[in-house]
Amino acid sequence: MRTPVEDTEQIVKALVERRKELGISQSELARLCDLSVNGISKFESNAGEREVKLSTLFKLAQILGLKLVLEFEE
């Protein structure tokens, strides 16, 4: 199912929700993504307030079994 999102905050919320659905801890996700636990914690708690690399978003989505699709409109 496609769920359109308009901003980083919505993406972060969707990723956090999926992580929790799968029962994956922040530390486990950090290990799977080769990121720090502190980085995952800041990413999740400061949703939309800090910039996140696009490659990190794709990596997190893949680990969580999601597909991140970008669409450009004129």
N, C-alpha and C. Protein backbone atom coordinates (compact mmCIF):
# COMPACT_ATOMS: atom_id res chain seq x y z
N MET A 1 0.84 -1.18 0.00
CA MET A 1 0.00 0.00 0.00
C MET A 1 0.89 1.24 0.00
N ARG A 2 0.58 2.20 -0.83
CA ARG A 2 1.32 3.45 -0.88
C ARG A 2 0.72 4.44 0.10
N THR A 3 1.59 5.06 0.87
CA THR A 3 1.17 6.09 1.79
C THR A 3 1.96 7.35 1.47
N PRO A 4 1.35 8.32 0.81
CA PRO A 4 2.08 9.54 0.47
C PRO A 4 2.42 10.33 1.72
N VAL A 5 3.62 10.86 1.75
CA VAL A 5 4.04 11.72 2.85
C VAL A 5 4.54 13.03 2.28
N GLU A 6 4.41 14.06 3.06
CA GLU A 6 4.73 15.40 2.59
C GLU A 6 6.02 15.95 3.18
N ASP A 7 6.50 15.36 4.28
CA ASP A 7 7.69 15.93 4.91
C ASP A 7 8.48 14.86 5.67
N THR A 8 9.64 15.26 6.14
CA THR A 8 10.53 14.35 6.85
C THR A 8 9.88 13.80 8.12
N GLU A 9 9.14 14.63 8.81
CA GLU A 9 8.50 14.19 10.05
C GLU A 9 7.59 12.99 9.81
N GLN A 10 6.82 13.02 8.74
CA GLN A 10 5.93 11.90 8.43
C GLN A 10 6.73 10.64 8.07
N ILE A 11 7.84 10.81 7.38
CA ILE A 11 8.69 9.66 7.04
C ILE A 11 9.23 9.04 8.31
N VAL A 12 9.74 9.87 9.20
CA VAL A 12 10.30 9.37 10.46
C VAL A 12 9.22 8.64 11.26
N LYS A 13 8.04 9.22 11.36
CA LYS A 13 6.95 8.58 12.10
C LYS A 13 6.61 7.21 11.51
N ALA A 14 6.58 7.12 10.18
CA ALA A 14 6.28 5.85 9.52
C ALA A 14 7.36 4.81 9.81
N LEU A 15 8.62 5.24 9.80
CA LEU A 15 9.73 4.32 10.07
C LEU A 15 9.71 3.85 11.53
N VAL A 16 9.43 4.76 12.46
CA VAL A 16 9.36 4.39 13.88
C VAL A 16 8.21 3.41 14.11
N GLU A 17 7.07 3.70 13.51
CA GLU A 17 5.91 2.81 13.65
C GLU A 17 6.25 1.41 13.13
N ARG A 18 6.89 1.34 11.99
CA ARG A 18 7.25 0.05 11.40
C ARG A 18 8.26 -0.69 12.29
N ARG A 19 9.25 0.05 12.82
CA ARG A 19 10.25 -0.57 13.70
C ARG A 19 9.55 -1.21 14.90
N LYS A 20 8.60 -0.49 15.47
CA LYS A 20 7.87 -1.00 16.64
C LYS A 20 6.99 -2.19 16.27
N GLU A 21 6.35 -2.13 15.10
CA GLU A 21 5.52 -3.27 14.62
C GLU A 21 6.35 -4.54 14.53
N LEU A 22 7.59 -4.38 14.08
CA LEU A 22 8.48 -5.53 13.91
C LEU A 22 9.16 -5.97 15.21
N GLY A 23 8.99 -5.17 16.26
CA GLY A 23 9.60 -5.50 17.55
C GLY A 23 11.11 -5.32 17.56
N ILE A 24 11.60 -4.40 16.76
CA ILE A 24 13.04 -4.15 16.68
C ILE A 24 13.38 -2.97 17.59
N SER A 25 14.38 -3.15 18.44
CA SER A 25 14.80 -2.07 19.33
C SER A 25 15.64 -1.06 18.55
N GLN A 26 15.82 0.11 19.13
CA GLN A 26 16.67 1.12 18.51
C GLN A 26 18.10 0.60 18.37
N SER A 27 18.58 -0.12 19.38
CA SER A 27 19.96 -0.62 19.32
C SER A 27 20.11 -1.69 18.24
N GLU A 28 19.10 -2.52 18.07
CA GLU A 28 19.16 -3.54 17.01
C GLU A 28 19.11 -2.89 15.63
N LEU A 29 18.26 -1.89 15.48
CA LEU A 29 18.18 -1.19 14.20
C LEU A 29 19.50 -0.49 13.89
N ALA A 30 20.09 0.11 14.90
CA ALA A 30 21.39 0.77 14.71
C ALA A 30 22.43 -0.23 14.24
N ARG A 31 22.45 -1.41 14.85
CA ARG A 31 23.41 -2.44 14.44
C ARG A 31 23.16 -2.89 13.01
N LEU A 32 21.91 -3.11 12.66
CA LEU A 32 21.56 -3.57 11.31
C LEU A 32 21.91 -2.54 10.24
N CYS A 33 21.82 -1.26 10.60
CA CYS A 33 22.06 -0.18 9.64
C CYS A 33 23.48 0.37 9.72
N ASP A 34 24.26 -0.16 10.64
CA ASP A 34 25.61 0.33 10.86
C ASP A 34 25.61 1.81 11.23
N LEU A 35 24.71 2.16 12.16
CA LEU A 35 24.61 3.51 12.69
C LEU A 35 24.74 3.44 14.21
N SER A 36 24.92 4.58 14.84
CA SER A 36 25.00 4.59 16.30
C SER A 36 23.60 4.57 16.90
N VAL A 37 23.49 4.02 18.11
CA VAL A 37 22.22 4.03 18.82
C VAL A 37 21.82 5.47 19.09
N ASN A 38 22.79 6.30 19.44
CA ASN A 38 22.52 7.71 19.67
C ASN A 38 21.95 8.38 18.42
N GLY A 39 22.49 8.02 17.26
CA GLY A 39 21.99 8.57 15.99
C GLY A 39 20.56 8.17 15.73
N ILE A 40 20.22 6.90 15.98
CA ILE A 40 18.85 6.42 15.78
C ILE A 40 17.91 7.14 16.76
N SER A 41 18.33 7.27 18.00
CA SER A 41 17.52 7.93 19.01
C SER A 41 17.25 9.38 18.64
N LYS A 42 18.28 10.09 18.22
CA LYS A 42 18.11 11.49 17.81
C LYS A 42 17.22 11.58 16.57
N PHE A 43 17.43 10.68 15.62
CA PHE A 43 16.63 10.64 14.40
C PHE A 43 15.15 10.51 14.74
N GLU A 44 14.83 9.59 15.65
CA GLU A 44 13.44 9.33 16.00
C GLU A 44 12.83 10.42 16.88
N SER A 45 13.61 10.99 17.77
CA SER A 45 13.04 11.97 18.71
C SER A 45 12.99 13.38 18.14
N ASN A 46 13.79 13.68 17.15
CA ASN A 46 13.80 15.01 16.55
C ASN A 46 13.22 14.99 15.15
N ALA A 47 12.16 14.24 14.97
CA ALA A 47 11.55 14.06 13.66
C ALA A 47 11.27 15.39 12.99
N GLY A 48 11.87 15.56 11.83
CA GLY A 48 11.63 16.76 11.04
C GLY A 48 12.46 17.96 11.44
N GLU A 49 13.20 17.86 12.55
CA GLU A 49 13.97 19.00 13.02
C GLU A 49 15.43 18.96 12.59
N ARG A 50 15.88 17.84 12.07
CA ARG A 50 17.26 17.77 11.60
C ARG A 50 17.28 17.10 10.24
N GLU A 51 18.30 17.40 9.51
CA GLU A 51 18.41 16.85 8.17
C GLU A 51 18.92 15.41 8.25
N VAL A 52 18.38 14.60 7.37
CA VAL A 52 18.76 13.20 7.31
C VAL A 52 19.20 12.90 5.89
N LYS A 53 20.29 12.18 5.76
CA LYS A 53 20.76 11.82 4.43
C LYS A 53 19.73 10.91 3.75
N LEU A 54 19.53 11.16 2.50
CA LEU A 54 18.61 10.34 1.73
C LEU A 54 19.04 8.88 1.74
N SER A 55 20.33 8.64 1.65
CA SER A 55 20.84 7.27 1.68
C SER A 55 20.49 6.58 3.00
N THR A 56 20.47 7.33 4.10
CA THR A 56 20.10 6.76 5.40
C THR A 56 18.63 6.39 5.42
N LEU A 57 17.79 7.24 4.86
CA LEU A 57 16.36 6.94 4.79
C LEU A 57 16.10 5.67 3.98
N PHE A 58 16.80 5.54 2.84
CA PHE A 58 16.64 4.34 2.02
C PHE A 58 17.13 3.10 2.78
N LYS A 59 18.23 3.23 3.49
CA LYS A 59 18.79 2.11 4.25
C LYS A 59 17.82 1.68 5.35
N LEU A 60 17.30 2.64 6.10
CA LEU A 60 16.35 2.32 7.17
C LEU A 60 15.10 1.66 6.61
N ALA A 61 14.57 2.21 5.53
CA ALA A 61 13.37 1.64 4.91
C ALA A 61 13.62 0.20 4.48
N GLN A 62 14.75 -0.05 3.86
CA GLN A 62 15.07 -1.40 3.39
C GLN A 62 15.16 -2.37 4.55
N ILE A 63 15.87 -2.00 5.59
CA ILE A 63 16.01 -2.86 6.77
C ILE A 63 14.64 -3.17 7.38
N LEU A 64 13.74 -2.20 7.34
CA LEU A 64 12.42 -2.37 7.94
C LEU A 64 11.40 -2.98 6.98
N GLY A 65 11.86 -3.39 5.81
CA GLY A 65 10.98 -4.06 4.85
C GLY A 65 10.04 -3.12 4.13
N LEU A 66 10.44 -1.87 4.01
CA LEU A 66 9.62 -0.88 3.30
C LEU A 66 10.34 -0.44 2.03
N LYS A 67 9.60 0.14 1.14
CA LYS A 67 10.17 0.66 -0.09
C LYS A 67 9.92 2.16 -0.11
N LEU A 68 10.99 2.93 -0.18
CA LEU A 68 10.88 4.38 -0.23
C LEU A 68 10.91 4.80 -1.69
N VAL A 69 9.88 5.48 -2.14
CA VAL A 69 9.74 5.90 -3.53
C VAL A 69 9.65 7.42 -3.56
N LEU A 70 10.49 8.02 -4.39
CA LEU A 70 10.44 9.48 -4.57
C LEU A 70 9.69 9.80 -5.84
N GLU A 71 8.90 10.83 -5.79
CA GLU A 71 8.14 11.25 -6.95
C GLU A 71 8.28 12.75 -7.08
N PHE A 72 8.52 13.22 -8.26
CA PHE A 72 8.62 14.66 -8.51
C PHE A 72 7.41 15.09 -9.33
N GLU A 73 6.84 16.22 -8.97
CA GLU A 73 5.70 16.75 -9.70
C GLU A 73 6.01 18.17 -10.13
N GLU A 74 5.43 18.56 -11.25
CA GLU A 74 5.55 19.95 -11.69
C GLU A 74 4.30 20.70 -11.36
